[in-house]
Amino acid sequence: RAHRWRPLRNCDGRYVGGPRRGTITDATIRLRARTDDDDGIVACRFVGGGGLLSYEKHDRWIHTLNTDSGLCRKLMALGALETFLATLTDRPRLVFRATAVVLACLADPERTALGPAAAASVRLGLARASLGRWPLVSSS
């Protein structure tokens, strides 16, 4: 059965929905175990960008589908960015860390509004650099 995703209000790049019950695959990392006071949180980054954050409630799961910037912003807010980065391979880690650096330079309201454009700019800049069209370091 198809699951409906809907945008989170005032939170560009993040959507809520998906299945309410199910299992966690090996492709995820547990960021926080569920306790009586806190939701458990697991995260998964998709090949090509974006990812899934799932919150373990007492009796169900709540899934949020995220663009790269939305996932990065939420991981920063949770204090879980470094834990998440440690699970990524070199190239995705570079893209995700560069996105986090750019987002950290923005105040919170601008971070939400400008996050998607900032993440796209980071990806484009790194892609051009890898093709030798826009060097990361000047030769002069």
C-alpha atoms as a PDB file:
ATOM      1  CA  ARG A   1       0.000   0.000   0.000  1.00  0.00           C
ATOM      2  CA  ALA A   2       1.260   3.482  -0.800  1.00  0.00           C
ATOM      3  CA  HIS A   3       1.998   5.825   2.076  1.00  0.00           C
ATOM      4  CA  ARG A   4       1.237   9.517   1.988  1.00  0.00           C
ATOM      5  CA  TRP A   5       3.882  12.106   2.818  1.00  0.00           C
ATOM      6  CA  ARG A   6       2.946  15.674   3.706  1.00  0.00           C
ATOM      7  CA  PRO A   7       5.201  18.704   4.227  1.00  0.00           C
ATOM      8  CA  LEU A   8       5.966  19.713   7.803  1.00  0.00           C
ATOM      9  CA  ARG A   9       4.650  23.236   8.357  1.00  0.00           C
ATOM     10  CA  ASN A  10       7.370  25.933   8.383  1.00  0.00           C
ATOM     11  CA  CYS A  11      10.082  23.344   7.799  1.00  0.00           C
ATOM     12  CA  ASP A  12      11.271  23.323   4.183  1.00  0.00           C
ATOM     13  CA  GLY A  13      12.774  20.025   3.115  1.00  0.00           C
ATOM     14  CA  ARG A  14      11.039  17.840   5.717  1.00  0.00           C
ATOM     15  CA  TYR A  15       7.939  15.657   5.279  1.00  0.00           C
ATOM     16  CA  VAL A  16       6.015  13.375   7.634  1.00  0.00           C
ATOM     17  CA  GLY A  17       4.127  10.179   6.904  1.00  0.00           C
ATOM     18  CA  GLY A  18       4.982   6.682   5.804  1.00  0.00           C
ATOM     19  CA  PRO A  19       4.238   3.383   7.512  1.00  0.00           C
ATOM     20  CA  ARG A  20       3.325   3.485  11.208  1.00  0.00           C
ATOM     21  CA  ARG A  21       4.732   0.060  12.073  1.00  0.00           C
ATOM     22  CA  GLY A  22       7.602  -1.970  10.762  1.00  0.00           C
ATOM     23  CA  THR A  23      11.193  -2.932  11.279  1.00  0.00           C
ATOM     24  CA  ILE A  24      14.427  -1.020  10.966  1.00  0.00           C
ATOM     25  CA  THR A  25      16.861  -2.135   8.295  1.00  0.00           C
ATOM     26  CA  ASP A  26      20.621  -2.527   8.689  1.00  0.00           C
ATOM     27  CA  ALA A  27      21.108   0.666   6.634  1.00  0.00           C
ATOM     28  CA  THR A  28      20.109   2.834   9.587  1.00  0.00           C
ATOM     29  CA  ILE A  29      21.972   4.196  12.573  1.00  0.00           C
ATOM     30  CA  ARG A  30      20.387   4.519  15.978  1.00  0.00           C
ATOM     31  CA  LEU A  31      21.014   8.065  17.178  1.00  0.00           C
ATOM     32  CA  ARG A  32      19.163   7.724  20.461  1.00  0.00           C
ATOM     33  CA  ALA A  33      17.491   4.836  22.252  1.00  0.00           C
ATOM     34  CA  ARG A  34      13.889   5.263  23.374  1.00  0.00           C
ATOM     35  CA  THR A  35      13.397   5.954  27.061  1.00  0.00           C
ATOM     36  CA  ASP A  36      10.336   6.887  29.116  1.00  0.00           C
ATOM     37  CA  ASP A  37      11.203  10.563  28.563  1.00  0.00           C
ATOM     38  CA  ASP A  38      12.616  10.617  25.015  1.00  0.00           C
ATOM     39  CA  ASP A  39      11.716   9.166  21.648  1.00  0.00           C
ATOM     40  CA  GLY A  40      14.171   6.787  20.069  1.00  0.00           C
ATOM     41  CA  ILE A  41      15.617   8.133  16.836  1.00  0.00           C
ATOM     42  CA  VAL A  42      17.080   6.298  13.874  1.00  0.00           C
ATOM     43  CA  ALA A  43      18.404   7.833  10.655  1.00  0.00           C
ATOM     44  CA  CYS A  44      19.175   6.634   7.163  1.00  0.00           C
ATOM     45  CA  ARG A  45      20.724   8.645   4.311  1.00  0.00           C
ATOM     46  CA  PHE A  46      19.691   7.749   0.773  1.00  0.00           C
ATOM     47  CA  VAL A  47      22.167   7.252  -2.056  1.00  0.00           C
ATOM     48  CA  GLY A  48      22.089  10.523  -3.985  1.00  0.00           C
ATOM     49  CA  GLY A  49      21.007  12.637  -1.003  1.00  0.00           C
ATOM     50  CA  GLY A  50      18.252  13.116   1.491  1.00  0.00           C
ATOM     51  CA  GLY A  51      17.228  10.575   4.048  1.00  0.00           C
ATOM     52  CA  LEU A  52      14.793   9.299   6.600  1.00  0.00           C
ATOM     53  CA  LEU A  53      14.554  10.159  10.287  1.00  0.00           C
ATOM     54  CA  SER A  54      12.284   7.864  12.263  1.00  0.00           C
ATOM     55  CA  TYR A  55      11.068   8.544  15.780  1.00  0.00           C
ATOM     56  CA  GLU A  56      10.197   5.561  17.961  1.00  0.00           C
ATOM     57  CA  LYS A  57       7.191   6.372  20.137  1.00  0.00           C
ATOM     58  CA  HIS A  58       5.858   3.993  22.772  1.00  0.00           C
ATOM     59  CA  ASP A  59       3.450   2.284  20.395  1.00  0.00           C
ATOM     60  CA  ARG A  60       4.392   3.420  16.877  1.00  0.00           C
ATOM     61  CA  TRP A  61       6.965   4.944  14.560  1.00  0.00           C
ATOM     62  CA  ILE A  62       6.781   8.418  13.021  1.00  0.00           C
ATOM     63  CA  HIS A  63       8.857   8.797   9.861  1.00  0.00           C
ATOM     64  CA  THR A  64      10.103  12.053   8.369  1.00  0.00           C
ATOM     65  CA  LEU A  65      11.383  12.152   4.805  1.00  0.00           C
ATOM     66  CA  ASN A  66      14.089  14.792   4.408  1.00  0.00           C
ATOM     67  CA  THR A  67      16.066  16.550   1.717  1.00  0.00           C
ATOM     68  CA  ASP A  68      19.808  16.816   2.445  1.00  0.00           C
ATOM     69  CA  SER A  69      19.352  20.256   4.001  1.00  0.00           C
ATOM     70  CA  GLY A  70      16.335  19.175   6.066  1.00  0.00           C
ATOM     71  CA  LEU A  71      18.169  16.102   7.361  1.00  0.00           C
ATOM     72  CA  CYS A  72      21.287  18.120   8.098  1.00  0.00           C
ATOM     73  CA  ARG A  73      19.346  20.843   9.953  1.00  0.00           C
ATOM     74  CA  LYS A  74      17.508  18.320  12.113  1.00  0.00           C
ATOM     75  CA  LEU A  75      20.671  16.351  12.932  1.00  0.00           C
ATOM     76  CA  MET A  76      22.339  19.629  13.945  1.00  0.00           C
ATOM     77  CA  ALA A  77      19.353  20.461  16.186  1.00  0.00           C
ATOM     78  CA  LEU A  78      19.499  16.987  17.774  1.00  0.00           C
ATOM     79  CA  GLY A  79      23.253  17.258  18.369  1.00  0.00           C
ATOM     80  CA  ALA A  80      23.681  14.074  16.338  1.00  0.00           C
ATOM     81  CA  LEU A  81      25.506  15.372  13.267  1.00  0.00           C
ATOM     82  CA  GLU A  82      28.948  13.952  14.130  1.00  0.00           C
ATOM     83  CA  THR A  83      27.500  10.541  15.018  1.00  0.00           C
ATOM     84  CA  PHE A  84      25.694  10.466  11.688  1.00  0.00           C
ATOM     85  CA  LEU A  85      28.708  11.699   9.690  1.00  0.00           C
ATOM     86  CA  ALA A  86      30.833   8.874  11.123  1.00  0.00           C
ATOM     87  CA  THR A  87      28.602   6.341   9.343  1.00  0.00           C
ATOM     88  CA  LEU A  88      29.009   7.849   5.860  1.00  0.00           C
ATOM     89  CA  THR A  89      31.647   6.984   3.286  1.00  0.00           C
ATOM     90  CA  ASP A  90      34.107   9.654   2.115  1.00  0.00           C
ATOM     91  CA  ARG A  91      32.222  11.422  -0.680  1.00  0.00           C
ATOM     92  CA  PRO A  92      28.784  11.578   1.008  1.00  0.00           C
ATOM     93  CA  ARG A  93      30.518  12.666   4.240  1.00  0.00           C
ATOM     94  CA  LEU A  94      32.246  15.533   2.404  1.00  0.00           C
ATOM     95  CA  VAL A  95      28.977  16.728   0.827  1.00  0.00           C
ATOM     96  CA  PHE A  96      27.054  16.434   4.085  1.00  0.00           C
ATOM     97  CA  ARG A  97      29.773  18.127   6.193  1.00  0.00           C
ATOM     98  CA  ALA A  98      30.109  20.984   3.674  1.00  0.00           C
ATOM     99  CA  THR A  99      26.333  21.464   3.793  1.00  0.00           C
ATOM    100  CA  ALA A 100      26.456  21.557   7.606  1.00  0.00           C
ATOM    101  CA  VAL A 101      29.239  24.172   7.558  1.00  0.00           C
ATOM    102  CA  VAL A 102      27.218  26.420   5.252  1.00  0.00           C
ATOM    103  CA  LEU A 103      24.021  25.957   7.285  1.00  0.00           C
ATOM    104  CA  ALA A 104      25.854  26.685  10.544  1.00  0.00           C
ATOM    105  CA  CYS A 105      26.731  30.138   9.161  1.00  0.00           C
ATOM    106  CA  LEU A 106      23.042  31.014   8.863  1.00  0.00           C
ATOM    107  CA  ALA A 107      20.747  32.166  11.665  1.00  0.00           C
ATOM    108  CA  ASP A 108      17.970  29.692  12.467  1.00  0.00           C
ATOM    109  CA  PRO A 109      15.114  31.297  10.480  1.00  0.00           C
ATOM    110  CA  GLU A 110      17.333  31.730   7.416  1.00  0.00           C
ATOM    111  CA  ARG A 111      18.685  28.205   7.810  1.00  0.00           C
ATOM    112  CA  THR A 112      15.214  26.792   7.193  1.00  0.00           C
ATOM    113  CA  ALA A 113      14.361  29.121   4.324  1.00  0.00           C
ATOM    114  CA  LEU A 114      17.747  29.004   2.561  1.00  0.00           C
ATOM    115  CA  GLY A 115      18.707  25.414   3.413  1.00  0.00           C
ATOM    116  CA  PRO A 116      17.575  23.750   0.184  1.00  0.00           C
ATOM    117  CA  ALA A 117      19.349  26.341  -1.998  1.00  0.00           C
ATOM    118  CA  ALA A 118      22.480  26.166   0.173  1.00  0.00           C
ATOM    119  CA  ALA A 119      22.610  22.360  -0.105  1.00  0.00           C
ATOM    120  CA  ALA A 120      22.148  22.531  -3.884  1.00  0.00           C
ATOM    121  CA  SER A 121      24.941  25.115  -4.134  1.00  0.00           C
ATOM    122  CA  VAL A 122      27.280  22.908  -2.090  1.00  0.00           C
ATOM    123  CA  ARG A 123      26.568  19.911  -4.340  1.00  0.00           C
ATOM    124  CA  LEU A 124      27.093  21.961  -7.501  1.00  0.00           C
ATOM    125  CA  GLY A 125      30.317  23.498  -6.217  1.00  0.00           C
ATOM    126  CA  LEU A 126      31.749  20.143  -5.174  1.00  0.00           C
ATOM    127  CA  ALA A 127      30.696  18.556  -8.483  1.00  0.00           C
ATOM    128  CA  ARG A 128      32.431  21.312 -10.439  1.00  0.00           C
ATOM    129  CA  ALA A 129      35.522  21.028  -8.267  1.00  0.00           C
ATOM    130  CA  SER A 130      35.690  17.276  -8.851  1.00  0.00           C
ATOM    131  CA  LEU A 131      35.602  17.891 -12.599  1.00  0.00           C
ATOM    132  CA  GLY A 132      38.409  20.432 -12.349  1.00  0.00           C
ATOM    133  CA  ARG A 133      36.164  23.265 -13.485  1.00  0.00           C
ATOM    134  CA  TRP A 134      36.204  25.130 -10.209  1.00  0.00           C
ATOM    135  CA  PRO A 135      39.246  24.355  -8.065  1.00  0.00           C
ATOM    136  CA  LEU A 136      38.758  24.196  -4.308  1.00  0.00           C
ATOM    137  CA  VAL A 137      42.201  25.738  -3.826  1.00  0.00           C
ATOM    138  CA  SER A 138      43.598  28.517  -5.994  1.00  0.00           C
ATOM    139  CA  SER A 139      46.842  27.713  -7.783  1.00  0.00           C
ATOM    140  CA  SER A 140      48.166  31.240  -7.161  1.00  0.00           C
END
